[in-house]
Amino acid sequence: MGEDTEAQELSHPFKATALIEGQEQNHQHWLKLFAGMGNLIKVLTRDIDHNAAHFFLDFENAQPTESEKEIYNQVNVVLKDAEGILEDLQSYRGAGHEIREAIQHPADEKLQEKAWGAVVPLVGKLKKFYEFSQRLEAALRGLLGALTSTPYSPTQHLEREQALAKQFAEILHFTLRFDELKMTNPAIQNDFSYYRRTLSRMRINNVPAEGENEVNNELANRMSLFYAEATPMLKTLSDATTKFVSENKNLPIENTTDCLSTMASVCRVMLETPEYRSRFTNEETVSFCLRVMVGVIILYDHVHPVGAFAKTSKIDMKGCIKVLKDQPPNSVEGLLNALRVHNKTFE
């Protein structure tokens, strides 16, 4: 009986139309409701826009809480020397003139001594830079341990432990500044190559060399590999991050990669959101954020199995590159080059 009534209703054109429209409206209502619930869940899990983290990370004023102090103080001992390292690298002029003179006049002992005398203190500086990279690596691994530990998510860590997040950012900022300076100073590798060649010749001739106490053969080999890299500090941090992941097998790799992708998202969102950007009191904070964003992208690219540039990446690469390209070109060319050096698919 019920089926006959329904059939009769459907046979009436007006009633059939009203019933179909009612069903369609009901269907649309449920679709909207589910879509709304999905968006709410995404907001609650911060999974909108490639896991973007929409919070302000206070790079200018973050101070350590009691629970952060132990790691913070350890890292601070390293970071307080960072500016001095950059100043030394910026003022590094090299011994190109003395080396050329010595090579052109191999029989002139005075010119050989002059070149050696110019190179030895410079190699002392290069040793100091290399040793600082080792200290920086240890500091980074300490911070990664703190920022990826359970039970908190990477986003919760970055929000709760802003002073440690700031130090992580400062390490990346230093790293990119160091590598930018190194890439534009060919004297570094020339000086070190001359030092090694001359030292080798002195050994063969049994000539005592004052510089050998400064840098023995094993250290010279490690330094040579370090300076052969286009971006030696970033390579050191990338290797340290990879090593951290492999040594902490009980910690899911996602804890580390999500920490990096979240940091990239925080930087991008702060740079492209006027209300966040307006809270910067120092004009240098913009370039700081840009460098940090690029640094974490490169680290993520090295550590994540598929890299930062894959479609499944949790980093919004299009958004990050747009933020970079929206800046004055001369201020970001070095950062765009750093991305190109570390990923062949980036244009």
C-alpha atoms as a PDB file:
ATOM      1  CA  MET A   1       0.000   0.000   0.000  1.00  0.00           C
ATOM      2  CA  GLY A   2       2.800   2.367   0.933  1.00  0.00           C
ATOM      3  CA  GLU A   3       4.607   1.626  -2.330  1.00  0.00           C
ATOM      4  CA  ASP A   4       1.420   2.350  -4.344  1.00  0.00           C
ATOM      5  CA  THR A   5       0.949   5.687  -2.568  1.00  0.00           C
ATOM      6  CA  GLU A   6       4.577   6.662  -3.274  1.00  0.00           C
ATOM      7  CA  ALA A   7       4.167   5.641  -6.919  1.00  0.00           C
ATOM      8  CA  GLN A   8       0.992   7.762  -7.168  1.00  0.00           C
ATOM      9  CA  GLU A   9       2.779  10.738  -5.618  1.00  0.00           C
ATOM     10  CA  LEU A  10       5.679  10.390  -8.064  1.00  0.00           C
ATOM     11  CA  SER A  11       3.229  10.135 -10.988  1.00  0.00           C
ATOM     12  CA  HIS A  12       1.991  13.633 -10.113  1.00  0.00           C
ATOM     13  CA  PRO A  13       4.512  16.023 -11.753  1.00  0.00           C
ATOM     14  CA  PHE A  14       4.335  18.750  -9.076  1.00  0.00           C
ATOM     15  CA  LYS A  15       4.617  16.311  -6.180  1.00  0.00           C
ATOM     16  CA  ALA A  16       7.459  14.402  -7.851  1.00  0.00           C
ATOM     17  CA  THR A  17       9.409  17.628  -8.438  1.00  0.00           C
ATOM     18  CA  ALA A  18       8.903  18.762  -4.839  1.00  0.00           C
ATOM     19  CA  LEU A  19      10.052  15.385  -3.506  1.00  0.00           C
ATOM     20  CA  ILE A  20      13.199  15.370  -5.688  1.00  0.00           C
ATOM     21  CA  GLU A  21      13.997  18.986  -4.703  1.00  0.00           C
ATOM     22  CA  GLY A  22      13.517  18.095  -1.038  1.00  0.00           C
ATOM     23  CA  GLN A  23      15.866  15.124  -1.332  1.00  0.00           C
ATOM     24  CA  GLU A  24      18.461  17.288  -3.149  1.00  0.00           C
ATOM     25  CA  GLN A  25      18.264  19.997  -0.469  1.00  0.00           C
ATOM     26  CA  ASN A  26      18.620  17.350   2.234  1.00  0.00           C
ATOM     27  CA  HIS A  27      21.641  15.873   0.431  1.00  0.00           C
ATOM     28  CA  GLN A  28      23.284  19.338   0.106  1.00  0.00           C
ATOM     29  CA  HIS A  29      22.592  20.013   3.792  1.00  0.00           C
ATOM     30  CA  TRP A  30      24.445  16.844   4.837  1.00  0.00           C
ATOM     31  CA  LEU A  31      27.313  17.560   2.444  1.00  0.00           C
ATOM     32  CA  LYS A  32      27.747  21.037   3.946  1.00  0.00           C
ATOM     33  CA  LEU A  33      27.515  19.628   7.451  1.00  0.00           C
ATOM     34  CA  PHE A  34      30.209  16.996   6.769  1.00  0.00           C
ATOM     35  CA  ALA A  35      32.404  19.560   5.016  1.00  0.00           C
ATOM     36  CA  GLY A  36      32.026  21.878   8.010  1.00  0.00           C
ATOM     37  CA  MET A  37      32.935  19.059  10.396  1.00  0.00           C
ATOM     38  CA  GLY A  38      35.969  18.191   8.226  1.00  0.00           C
ATOM     39  CA  ASN A  39      37.189  21.771   8.322  1.00  0.00           C
ATOM     40  CA  LEU A  40      36.670  21.906  12.080  1.00  0.00           C
ATOM     41  CA  ILE A  41      38.723  18.718  12.495  1.00  0.00           C
ATOM     42  CA  LYS A  42      41.415  20.187  10.248  1.00  0.00           C
ATOM     43  CA  VAL A  43      41.534  23.356  12.339  1.00  0.00           C
ATOM     44  CA  LEU A  44      41.751  21.358  15.558  1.00  0.00           C
ATOM     45  CA  THR A  45      44.596  19.210  14.192  1.00  0.00           C
ATOM     46  CA  ARG A  46      46.275  22.197  12.484  1.00  0.00           C
ATOM     47  CA  ASP A  47      46.213  20.285   9.211  1.00  0.00           C
ATOM     48  CA  ILE A  48      45.142  23.114   6.908  1.00  0.00           C
ATOM     49  CA  ASP A  49      47.459  24.230   4.114  1.00  0.00           C
ATOM     50  CA  HIS A  50      50.265  21.649   4.281  1.00  0.00           C
ATOM     51  CA  ASN A  51      50.191  21.384   8.068  1.00  0.00           C
ATOM     52  CA  ALA A  52      50.734  25.134   8.427  1.00  0.00           C
ATOM     53  CA  ALA A  53      51.109  26.237  12.021  1.00  0.00           C
ATOM     54  CA  HIS A  54      49.252  29.485  12.530  1.00  0.00           C
ATOM     55  CA  PHE A  55      50.900  30.926  15.604  1.00  0.00           C
ATOM     56  CA  PHE A  56      53.416  33.692  16.266  1.00  0.00           C
ATOM     57  CA  LEU A  57      56.898  32.491  17.179  1.00  0.00           C
ATOM     58  CA  ASP A  58      58.605  35.349  19.014  1.00  0.00           C
ATOM     59  CA  PHE A  59      62.091  35.303  17.481  1.00  0.00           C
ATOM     60  CA  GLU A  60      62.854  38.712  19.000  1.00  0.00           C
ATOM     61  CA  ASN A  61      61.960  38.298  22.678  1.00  0.00           C
ATOM     62  CA  ALA A  62      61.456  34.624  23.588  1.00  0.00           C
ATOM     63  CA  GLN A  63      62.930  33.807  27.020  1.00  0.00           C
ATOM     64  CA  PRO A  64      63.538  30.290  28.394  1.00  0.00           C
ATOM     65  CA  THR A  65      61.125  28.742  30.862  1.00  0.00           C
ATOM     66  CA  GLU A  66      62.502  26.732  33.782  1.00  0.00           C
ATOM     67  CA  SER A  67      62.181  23.446  31.846  1.00  0.00           C
ATOM     68  CA  GLU A  68      64.109  24.880  28.869  1.00  0.00           C
ATOM     69  CA  LYS A  69      67.015  26.381  30.802  1.00  0.00           C
ATOM     70  CA  GLU A  70      69.403  23.411  30.865  1.00  0.00           C
ATOM     71  CA  ILE A  71      69.462  22.926  27.066  1.00  0.00           C
ATOM     72  CA  TYR A  72      69.143  26.670  26.464  1.00  0.00           C
ATOM     73  CA  ASN A  73      72.274  27.451  28.521  1.00  0.00           C
ATOM     74  CA  GLN A  74      74.297  24.718  26.788  1.00  0.00           C
ATOM     75  CA  VAL A  75      73.354  26.022  23.336  1.00  0.00           C
ATOM     76  CA  ASN A  76      73.870  29.638  24.373  1.00  0.00           C
ATOM     77  CA  VAL A  77      77.551  28.949  25.161  1.00  0.00           C
ATOM     78  CA  VAL A  78      77.979  28.010  21.477  1.00  0.00           C
ATOM     79  CA  LEU A  79      75.785  30.732  19.968  1.00  0.00           C
ATOM     80  CA  LYS A  80      77.539  33.581  21.787  1.00  0.00           C
ATOM     81  CA  ASP A  81      80.623  32.869  19.623  1.00  0.00           C
ATOM     82  CA  ALA A  82      78.665  32.822  16.337  1.00  0.00           C
ATOM     83  CA  GLU A  83      78.842  36.557  15.588  1.00  0.00           C
ATOM     84  CA  GLY A  84      82.623  36.585  16.110  1.00  0.00           C
ATOM     85  CA  ILE A  85      83.012  33.678  13.664  1.00  0.00           C
ATOM     86  CA  LEU A  86      81.011  35.575  11.023  1.00  0.00           C
ATOM     87  CA  GLU A  87      83.083  38.736  11.579  1.00  0.00           C
ATOM     88  CA  ASP A  88      86.316  36.738  11.157  1.00  0.00           C
ATOM     89  CA  LEU A  89      84.995  35.118   7.989  1.00  0.00           C
ATOM     90  CA  GLN A  90      83.796  38.455   6.594  1.00  0.00           C
ATOM     91  CA  SER A  91      87.247  39.984   7.126  1.00  0.00           C
ATOM     92  CA  TYR A  92      89.054  36.928   5.668  1.00  0.00           C
ATOM     93  CA  ARG A  93      91.169  38.280   2.798  1.00  0.00           C
ATOM     94  CA  GLY A  94      93.412  35.314   1.991  1.00  0.00           C
ATOM     95  CA  ALA A  95      97.053  35.103   0.955  1.00  0.00           C
ATOM     96  CA  GLY A  96      96.489  35.032  -2.804  1.00  0.00           C
ATOM     97  CA  HIS A  97      99.209  37.605  -3.603  1.00  0.00           C
ATOM     98  CA  GLU A  98     101.901  35.914  -1.484  1.00  0.00           C
ATOM     99  CA  ILE A  99     100.984  32.466  -2.863  1.00  0.00           C
ATOM    100  CA  ARG A 100     101.161  33.653  -6.488  1.00  0.00           C
ATOM    101  CA  GLU A 101     104.565  35.241  -5.863  1.00  0.00           C
ATOM    102  CA  ALA A 102     105.894  32.051  -4.256  1.00  0.00           C
ATOM    103  CA  ILE A 103     104.602  29.834  -7.099  1.00  0.00           C
ATOM    104  CA  GLN A 104     106.025  32.134  -9.794  1.00  0.00           C
ATOM    105  CA  HIS A 105     109.471  32.234  -8.083  1.00  0.00           C
ATOM    106  CA  PRO A 106     109.979  28.705  -6.666  1.00  0.00           C
ATOM    107  CA  ALA A 107     113.720  29.223  -6.081  1.00  0.00           C
ATOM    108  CA  ASP A 108     113.236  32.383  -4.004  1.00  0.00           C
ATOM    109  CA  GLU A 109     113.349  31.179  -0.388  1.00  0.00           C
ATOM    110  CA  LYS A 110     112.261  34.556   1.024  1.00  0.00           C
ATOM    111  CA  LEU A 111     109.062  34.513  -1.049  1.00  0.00           C
ATOM    112  CA  GLN A 112     108.403  30.896   0.033  1.00  0.00           C
ATOM    113  CA  GLU A 113     108.811  31.880   3.685  1.00  0.00           C
ATOM    114  CA  LYS A 114     106.624  34.958   3.199  1.00  0.00           C
ATOM    115  CA  ALA A 115     103.812  32.891   1.651  1.00  0.00           C
ATOM    116  CA  TRP A 116     104.072  30.244   4.384  1.00  0.00           C
ATOM    117  CA  GLY A 117     104.083  32.937   7.060  1.00  0.00           C
ATOM    118  CA  ALA A 118     100.920  34.462   5.549  1.00  0.00           C
ATOM    119  CA  VAL A 119      99.071  31.140   5.187  1.00  0.00           C
ATOM    120  CA  VAL A 120      99.722  29.559   8.615  1.00  0.00           C
ATOM    121  CA  PRO A 121      97.680  32.092  10.672  1.00  0.00           C
ATOM    122  CA  LEU A 122      94.881  31.923   8.074  1.00  0.00           C
ATOM    123  CA  VAL A 123      94.758  28.136   8.429  1.00  0.00           C
ATOM    124  CA  GLY A 124      94.466  28.742  12.180  1.00  0.00           C
ATOM    125  CA  LYS A 125      91.301  30.732  11.419  1.00  0.00           C
ATOM    126  CA  LEU A 126      89.991  28.000   9.124  1.00  0.00           C
ATOM    127  CA  LYS A 127      90.599  25.477  11.902  1.00  0.00           C
ATOM    128  CA  LYS A 128      88.596  27.670  14.292  1.00  0.00           C
ATOM    129  CA  PHE A 129      85.687  27.826  11.811  1.00  0.00           C
ATOM    130  CA  TYR A 130      85.750  24.042  11.358  1.00  0.00           C
ATOM    131  CA  GLU A 131      85.857  23.381  15.105  1.00  0.00           C
ATOM    132  CA  PHE A 132      82.914  25.754  15.557  1.00  0.00           C
ATOM    133  CA  SER A 133      80.926  23.654  13.037  1.00  0.00           C
ATOM    134  CA  GLN A 134      81.473  20.636  15.311  1.00  0.00           C
ATOM    135  CA  ARG A 135      80.233  22.563  18.349  1.00  0.00           C
ATOM    136  CA  LEU A 136      77.226  23.777  16.351  1.00  0.00           C
ATOM    137  CA  GLU A 137      76.425  20.197  15.333  1.00  0.00           C
ATOM    138  CA  ALA A 138      76.368  19.095  18.992  1.00  0.00           C
ATOM    139  CA  ALA A 139      74.136  22.074  19.895  1.00  0.00           C
ATOM    140  CA  LEU A 140      71.690  21.263  17.088  1.00  0.00           C
ATOM    141  CA  ARG A 141      71.393  17.654  18.180  1.00  0.00           C
ATOM    142  CA  GLY A 142      70.653  18.773  21.746  1.00  0.00           C
ATOM    143  CA  LEU A 143      67.881  21.044  20.471  1.00  0.00           C
ATOM    144  CA  LEU A 144      66.422  18.345  18.213  1.00  0.00           C
ATOM    145  CA  GLY A 145      66.290  16.013  21.195  1.00  0.00           C
ATOM    146  CA  ALA A 146      64.299  18.590  23.178  1.00  0.00           C
ATOM    147  CA  LEU A 147      61.975  19.670  20.317  1.00  0.00           C
ATOM    148  CA  THR A 148      61.031  16.173  19.115  1.00  0.00           C
ATOM    149  CA  SER A 149      60.576  14.321  22.418  1.00  0.00           C
ATOM    150  CA  THR A 150      57.305  12.671  23.368  1.00  0.00           C
ATOM    151  CA  PRO A 151      54.519  13.193  24.410  1.00  0.00           C
ATOM    152  CA  TYR A 152      54.220  16.586  22.675  1.00  0.00           C
ATOM    153  CA  SER A 153      53.752  17.138  18.952  1.00  0.00           C
ATOM    154  CA  PRO A 154      56.291  19.312  17.075  1.00  0.00           C
ATOM    155  CA  THR A 155      53.740  22.170  16.964  1.00  0.00           C
ATOM    156  CA  GLN A 156      53.181  21.935  20.726  1.00  0.00           C
ATOM    157  CA  HIS A 157      56.953  21.921  21.313  1.00  0.00           C
ATOM    158  CA  LEU A 158      57.501  25.037  19.163  1.00  0.00           C
ATOM    159  CA  GLU A 159      54.632  26.860  20.897  1.00  0.00           C
ATOM    160  CA  ARG A 160      55.629  25.810  24.428  1.00  0.00           C
ATOM    161  CA  GLU A 161      59.429  26.065  24.065  1.00  0.00           C
ATOM    162  CA  GLN A 162      59.809  29.259  22.076  1.00  0.00           C
ATOM    163  CA  ALA A 163      63.276  30.053  23.457  1.00  0.00           C
ATOM    164  CA  LEU A 164      64.622  26.705  22.173  1.00  0.00           C
ATOM    165  CA  ALA A 165      62.827  27.227  18.849  1.00  0.00           C
ATOM    166  CA  LYS A 166      64.501  30.656  18.661  1.00  0.00           C
ATOM    167  CA  GLN A 167      67.930  29.070  19.255  1.00  0.00           C
ATOM    168  CA  PHE A 168      67.233  26.477  16.561  1.00  0.00           C
ATOM    169  CA  ALA A 169      66.360  29.370  14.248  1.00  0.00           C
ATOM    170  CA  GLU A 170      69.542  31.240  15.252  1.00  0.00           C
ATOM    171  CA  ILE A 171      71.670  28.195  14.346  1.00  0.00           C
ATOM    172  CA  LEU A 172      70.034  28.059  10.895  1.00  0.00           C
ATOM    173  CA  HIS A 173      70.390  31.822  10.434  1.00  0.00           C
ATOM    174  CA  PHE A 174      74.104  31.658  11.288  1.00  0.00           C
ATOM    175  CA  THR A 175      74.563  28.632   8.997  1.00  0.00           C
ATOM    176  CA  LEU A 176      73.146  30.311   5.906  1.00  0.00           C
ATOM    177  CA  ARG A 177      75.075  33.538   6.581  1.00  0.00           C
ATOM    178  CA  PHE A 178      78.316  31.561   7.000  1.00  0.00           C
ATOM    179  CA  ASP A 179      77.753  29.620   3.775  1.00  0.00           C
ATOM    180  CA  GLU A 180      76.835  32.751   1.801  1.00  0.00           C
ATOM    181  CA  LEU A 181      80.163  34.321   2.858  1.00  0.00           C
ATOM    182  CA  LYS A 182      82.143  31.137   2.178  1.00  0.00           C
ATOM    183  CA  MET A 183      80.643  30.690  -1.312  1.00  0.00           C
ATOM    184  CA  THR A 184      81.824  34.143  -2.351  1.00  0.00           C
ATOM    185  CA  ASN A 185      85.382  33.706  -1.002  1.00  0.00           C
ATOM    186  CA  PRO A 186      87.520  31.396  -3.202  1.00  0.00           C
ATOM    187  CA  ALA A 187      90.626  32.365  -1.170  1.00  0.00           C
ATOM    188  CA  ILE A 188      89.606  29.889   1.556  1.00  0.00           C
ATOM    189  CA  GLN A 189      90.117  26.779  -0.572  1.00  0.00           C
ATOM    190  CA  ASN A 190      93.143  28.228  -2.374  1.00  0.00           C
ATOM    191  CA  ASP A 191      94.887  29.014   0.933  1.00  0.00           C
ATOM    192  CA  PHE A 192      94.142  25.598   2.387  1.00  0.00           C
ATOM    193  CA  SER A 193      95.263  23.750  -0.769  1.00  0.00           C
ATOM    194  CA  TYR A 194      98.550  25.680  -0.755  1.00  0.00           C
ATOM    195  CA  TYR A 195      99.020  24.901   2.939  1.00  0.00           C
ATOM    196  CA  ARG A 196      98.557  21.151   2.381  1.00  0.00           C
ATOM    197  CA  ARG A 197     100.829  21.042  -0.685  1.00  0.00           C
ATOM    198  CA  THR A 198     103.586  22.950   1.096  1.00  0.00           C
ATOM    199  CA  LEU A 199     103.281  20.852   4.251  1.00  0.00           C
ATOM    200  CA  SER A 200     103.553  17.666   2.198  1.00  0.00           C
ATOM    201  CA  ARG A 201     106.681  18.995   0.451  1.00  0.00           C
ATOM    202  CA  MET A 202     108.225  19.959   3.806  1.00  0.00           C
ATOM    203  CA  ARG A 203     107.639  16.453   5.165  1.00  0.00           C
ATOM    204  CA  ILE A 204     109.300  14.852   2.138  1.00  0.00           C
ATOM    205  CA  ASN A 205     112.324  17.160   2.620  1.00  0.00           C
ATOM    206  CA  ASN A 206     112.320  16.642   6.422  1.00  0.00           C
ATOM    207  CA  VAL A 207     111.866  20.361   6.996  1.00  0.00           C
ATOM    208  CA  PRO A 208     110.246  21.203  10.380  1.00  0.00           C
ATOM    209  CA  ALA A 209     106.949  23.049   9.871  1.00  0.00           C
ATOM    210  CA  GLU A 210     105.555  25.326  12.570  1.00  0.00           C
ATOM    211  CA  GLY A 211     102.041  25.015  11.169  1.00  0.00           C
ATOM    212  CA  GLU A 212     101.889  21.234  11.540  1.00  0.00           C
ATOM    213  CA  ASN A 213     101.265  21.501  15.275  1.00  0.00           C
ATOM    214  CA  GLU A 214      98.270  23.688  14.444  1.00  0.00           C
ATOM    215  CA  VAL A 215      96.641  21.230  11.998  1.00  0.00           C
ATOM    216  CA  ASN A 216      97.780  17.594  11.901  1.00  0.00           C
ATOM    217  CA  ASN A 217      97.180  15.361   8.884  1.00  0.00           C
ATOM    218  CA  GLU A 218      93.946  13.772  10.148  1.00  0.00           C
ATOM    219  CA  LEU A 219      92.421  17.143  10.988  1.00  0.00           C
ATOM    220  CA  ALA A 220      93.608  18.537   7.635  1.00  0.00           C
ATOM    221  CA  ASN A 221      91.766  15.711   5.827  1.00  0.00           C
ATOM    222  CA  ARG A 222      88.523  16.468   7.675  1.00  0.00           C
ATOM    223  CA  MET A 223      88.896  20.206   7.088  1.00  0.00           C
ATOM    224  CA  SER A 224      89.562  19.589   3.408  1.00  0.00           C
ATOM    225  CA  LEU A 225      86.270  17.671   3.049  1.00  0.00           C
ATOM    226  CA  PHE A 226      84.454  20.410   4.977  1.00  0.00           C
ATOM    227  CA  TYR A 227      85.706  23.294   2.789  1.00  0.00           C
ATOM    228  CA  ALA A 228      85.232  21.315  -0.446  1.00  0.00           C
ATOM    229  CA  GLU A 229      81.444  21.592   0.115  1.00  0.00           C
ATOM    230  CA  ALA A 230      79.662  24.525  -1.539  1.00  0.00           C
ATOM    231  CA  THR A 231      77.707  25.040   1.704  1.00  0.00           C
ATOM    232  CA  PRO A 232      79.792  23.370   4.433  1.00  0.00           C
ATOM    233  CA  MET A 233      77.776  24.454   7.483  1.00  0.00           C
ATOM    234  CA  LEU A 234      74.476  23.320   5.969  1.00  0.00           C
ATOM    235  CA  LYS A 235      76.069  19.980   5.030  1.00  0.00           C
ATOM    236  CA  THR A 236      77.245  19.618   8.658  1.00  0.00           C
ATOM    237  CA  LEU A 237      73.725  20.331   9.997  1.00  0.00           C
ATOM    238  CA  SER A 238      72.088  18.051   7.400  1.00  0.00           C
ATOM    239  CA  ASP A 239      74.418  15.187   8.337  1.00  0.00           C
ATOM    240  CA  ALA A 240      73.837  15.872  12.040  1.00  0.00           C
ATOM    241  CA  THR A 241      70.047  15.767  11.566  1.00  0.00           C
ATOM    242  CA  THR A 242      70.246  12.532   9.563  1.00  0.00           C
ATOM    243  CA  LYS A 243      72.503  11.035  12.233  1.00  0.00           C
ATOM    244  CA  PHE A 244      70.079  12.156  14.969  1.00  0.00           C
ATOM    245  CA  VAL A 245      67.242  10.315  13.201  1.00  0.00           C
ATOM    246  CA  SER A 246      69.281   7.127  12.676  1.00  0.00           C
ATOM    247  CA  GLU A 247      70.560   7.079  16.275  1.00  0.00           C
ATOM    248  CA  ASN A 248      67.088   7.589  17.782  1.00  0.00           C
ATOM    249  CA  LYS A 249      65.308   4.606  16.275  1.00  0.00           C
ATOM    250  CA  ASN A 250      62.653   4.630  19.013  1.00  0.00           C
ATOM    251  CA  LEU A 251      61.635   8.121  17.852  1.00  0.00           C
ATOM    252  CA  PRO A 252      59.477   8.168  14.685  1.00  0.00           C
ATOM    253  CA  ILE A 253      61.211  10.031  11.827  1.00  0.00           C
ATOM    254  CA  GLU A 254      58.007  12.120  11.550  1.00  0.00           C
ATOM    255  CA  ASN A 255      58.798  13.756  14.897  1.00  0.00           C
ATOM    256  CA  THR A 256      61.903  15.279  13.313  1.00  0.00           C
ATOM    257  CA  THR A 257      60.551  16.005   9.834  1.00  0.00           C
ATOM    258  CA  ASP A 258      57.313  17.472  11.259  1.00  0.00           C
ATOM    259  CA  CYS A 259      59.392  19.725  13.528  1.00  0.00           C
ATOM    260  CA  LEU A 260      61.178  21.042  10.403  1.00  0.00           C
ATOM    261  CA  SER A 261      58.033  21.378   8.266  1.00  0.00           C
ATOM    262  CA  THR A 262      56.202  23.141  11.110  1.00  0.00           C
ATOM    263  CA  MET A 263      59.075  25.601  11.527  1.00  0.00           C
ATOM    264  CA  ALA A 264      58.998  26.311   7.758  1.00  0.00           C
ATOM    265  CA  SER A 265      55.226  26.880   7.957  1.00  0.00           C
ATOM    266  CA  VAL A 266      55.554  29.187  10.979  1.00  0.00           C
ATOM    267  CA  CYS A 267      58.122  31.337   9.152  1.00  0.00           C
ATOM    268  CA  ARG A 268      56.078  31.447   5.936  1.00  0.00           C
ATOM    269  CA  VAL A 269      52.821  32.312   7.729  1.00  0.00           C
ATOM    270  CA  MET A 270      54.505  35.054   9.811  1.00  0.00           C
ATOM    271  CA  LEU A 271      56.021  36.586   6.668  1.00  0.00           C
ATOM    272  CA  GLU A 272      52.828  36.533   4.585  1.00  0.00           C
ATOM    273  CA  THR A 273      50.381  37.526   7.355  1.00  0.00           C
ATOM    274  CA  PRO A 274      50.311  41.319   7.905  1.00  0.00           C
ATOM    275  CA  GLU A 275      49.107  41.119  11.534  1.00  0.00           C
ATOM    276  CA  TYR A 276      52.041  38.823  12.422  1.00  0.00           C
ATOM    277  CA  ARG A 277      54.590  40.725  10.376  1.00  0.00           C
ATOM    278  CA  SER A 278      53.540  44.021  11.952  1.00  0.00           C
ATOM    279  CA  ARG A 279      54.615  42.625  15.345  1.00  0.00           C
ATOM    280  CA  PHE A 280      58.280  42.552  14.254  1.00  0.00           C
ATOM    281  CA  THR A 281      60.053  45.480  15.929  1.00  0.00           C
ATOM    282  CA  ASN A 282      63.391  44.902  14.180  1.00  0.00           C
ATOM    283  CA  GLU A 283      63.622  45.205  10.386  1.00  0.00           C
ATOM    284  CA  GLU A 284      66.262  42.413  10.408  1.00  0.00           C
ATOM    285  CA  THR A 285      63.624  39.927  11.614  1.00  0.00           C
ATOM    286  CA  VAL A 286      62.226  39.574   8.074  1.00  0.00           C
ATOM    287  CA  SER A 287      65.587  38.439   6.635  1.00  0.00           C
ATOM    288  CA  PHE A 288      66.051  36.264   9.745  1.00  0.00           C
ATOM    289  CA  CYS A 289      62.716  34.495   9.063  1.00  0.00           C
ATOM    290  CA  LEU A 290      63.551  34.052   5.367  1.00  0.00           C
ATOM    291  CA  ARG A 291      66.923  32.443   6.140  1.00  0.00           C
ATOM    292  CA  VAL A 292      65.419  30.167   8.781  1.00  0.00           C
ATOM    293  CA  MET A 293      62.640  29.086   6.395  1.00  0.00           C
ATOM    294  CA  VAL A 294      65.168  28.158   3.688  1.00  0.00           C
ATOM    295  CA  GLY A 295      67.403  26.392   6.221  1.00  0.00           C
ATOM    296  CA  VAL A 296      64.638  24.123   7.505  1.00  0.00           C
ATOM    297  CA  ILE A 297      63.476  23.361   3.945  1.00  0.00           C
ATOM    298  CA  ILE A 298      66.994  22.148   3.080  1.00  0.00           C
ATOM    299  CA  LEU A 299      67.261  20.095   6.283  1.00  0.00           C
ATOM    300  CA  TYR A 300      63.822  18.570   5.617  1.00  0.00           C
ATOM    301  CA  ASP A 301      64.852  17.797   2.033  1.00  0.00           C
ATOM    302  CA  HIS A 302      67.913  15.891   3.289  1.00  0.00           C
ATOM    303  CA  VAL A 303      66.191  13.980   6.097  1.00  0.00           C
ATOM    304  CA  HIS A 304      62.746  13.168   4.655  1.00  0.00           C
ATOM    305  CA  PRO A 305      62.648  10.003   2.481  1.00  0.00           C
ATOM    306  CA  VAL A 306      60.937  11.808  -0.447  1.00  0.00           C
ATOM    307  CA  GLY A 307      62.270  15.316   0.179  1.00  0.00           C
ATOM    308  CA  ALA A 308      60.789  18.808   0.452  1.00  0.00           C
ATOM    309  CA  PHE A 309      59.941  19.253  -3.229  1.00  0.00           C
ATOM    310  CA  ALA A 310      57.742  16.158  -3.637  1.00  0.00           C
ATOM    311  CA  LYS A 311      53.964  16.571  -3.968  1.00  0.00           C
ATOM    312  CA  THR A 312      53.471  14.670  -0.691  1.00  0.00           C
ATOM    313  CA  SER A 313      55.796  17.042   1.204  1.00  0.00           C
ATOM    314  CA  LYS A 314      54.292  18.683   4.292  1.00  0.00           C
ATOM    315  CA  ILE A 315      56.029  21.942   3.328  1.00  0.00           C
ATOM    316  CA  ASP A 316      54.054  24.288   1.083  1.00  0.00           C
ATOM    317  CA  MET A 317      56.948  24.844  -1.327  1.00  0.00           C
ATOM    318  CA  LYS A 318      54.945  27.041  -3.721  1.00  0.00           C
ATOM    319  CA  GLY A 319      53.967  29.294  -0.817  1.00  0.00           C
ATOM    320  CA  CYS A 320      57.547  29.449   0.510  1.00  0.00           C
ATOM    321  CA  ILE A 321      59.028  30.286  -2.904  1.00  0.00           C
ATOM    322  CA  LYS A 322      56.333  32.928  -3.461  1.00  0.00           C
ATOM    323  CA  VAL A 323      57.269  34.564  -0.134  1.00  0.00           C
ATOM    324  CA  LEU A 324      60.929  34.583  -1.231  1.00  0.00           C
ATOM    325  CA  LYS A 325      60.161  36.001  -4.677  1.00  0.00           C
ATOM    326  CA  ASP A 326      57.957  38.714  -3.151  1.00  0.00           C
ATOM    327  CA  GLN A 327      61.067  40.205  -1.465  1.00  0.00           C
ATOM    328  CA  PRO A 328      63.503  42.627  -3.182  1.00  0.00           C
ATOM    329  CA  PRO A 329      65.523  40.368  -5.567  1.00  0.00           C
ATOM    330  CA  ASN A 330      68.980  41.361  -4.295  1.00  0.00           C
ATOM    331  CA  SER A 331      68.003  40.417  -0.727  1.00  0.00           C
ATOM    332  CA  VAL A 332      67.020  36.805  -1.489  1.00  0.00           C
ATOM    333  CA  GLU A 333      69.202  35.739  -4.439  1.00  0.00           C
ATOM    334  CA  GLY A 334      71.605  33.922  -2.085  1.00  0.00           C
ATOM    335  CA  LEU A 335      68.693  32.036  -0.487  1.00  0.00           C
ATOM    336  CA  LEU A 336      67.205  31.032  -3.847  1.00  0.00           C
ATOM    337  CA  ASN A 337      70.680  29.858  -4.897  1.00  0.00           C
ATOM    338  CA  ALA A 338      70.940  27.784  -1.703  1.00  0.00           C
ATOM    339  CA  LEU A 339      67.689  26.006  -2.657  1.00  0.00           C
ATOM    340  CA  ARG A 340      68.995  25.451  -6.205  1.00  0.00           C
ATOM    341  CA  VAL A 341      72.296  24.016  -4.924  1.00  0.00           C
ATOM    342  CA  HIS A 342      70.472  21.554  -2.684  1.00  0.00           C
ATOM    343  CA  ASN A 343      67.717  20.479  -5.098  1.00  0.00           C
ATOM    344  CA  LYS A 344      68.149  19.971  -8.830  1.00  0.00           C
ATOM    345  CA  THR A 345      64.409  20.135  -9.593  1.00  0.00           C
ATOM    346  CA  PHE A 346      64.036  23.670  -8.234  1.00  0.00           C
ATOM    347  CA  GLU A 347      63.934  26.411 -10.906  1.00  0.00           C
END
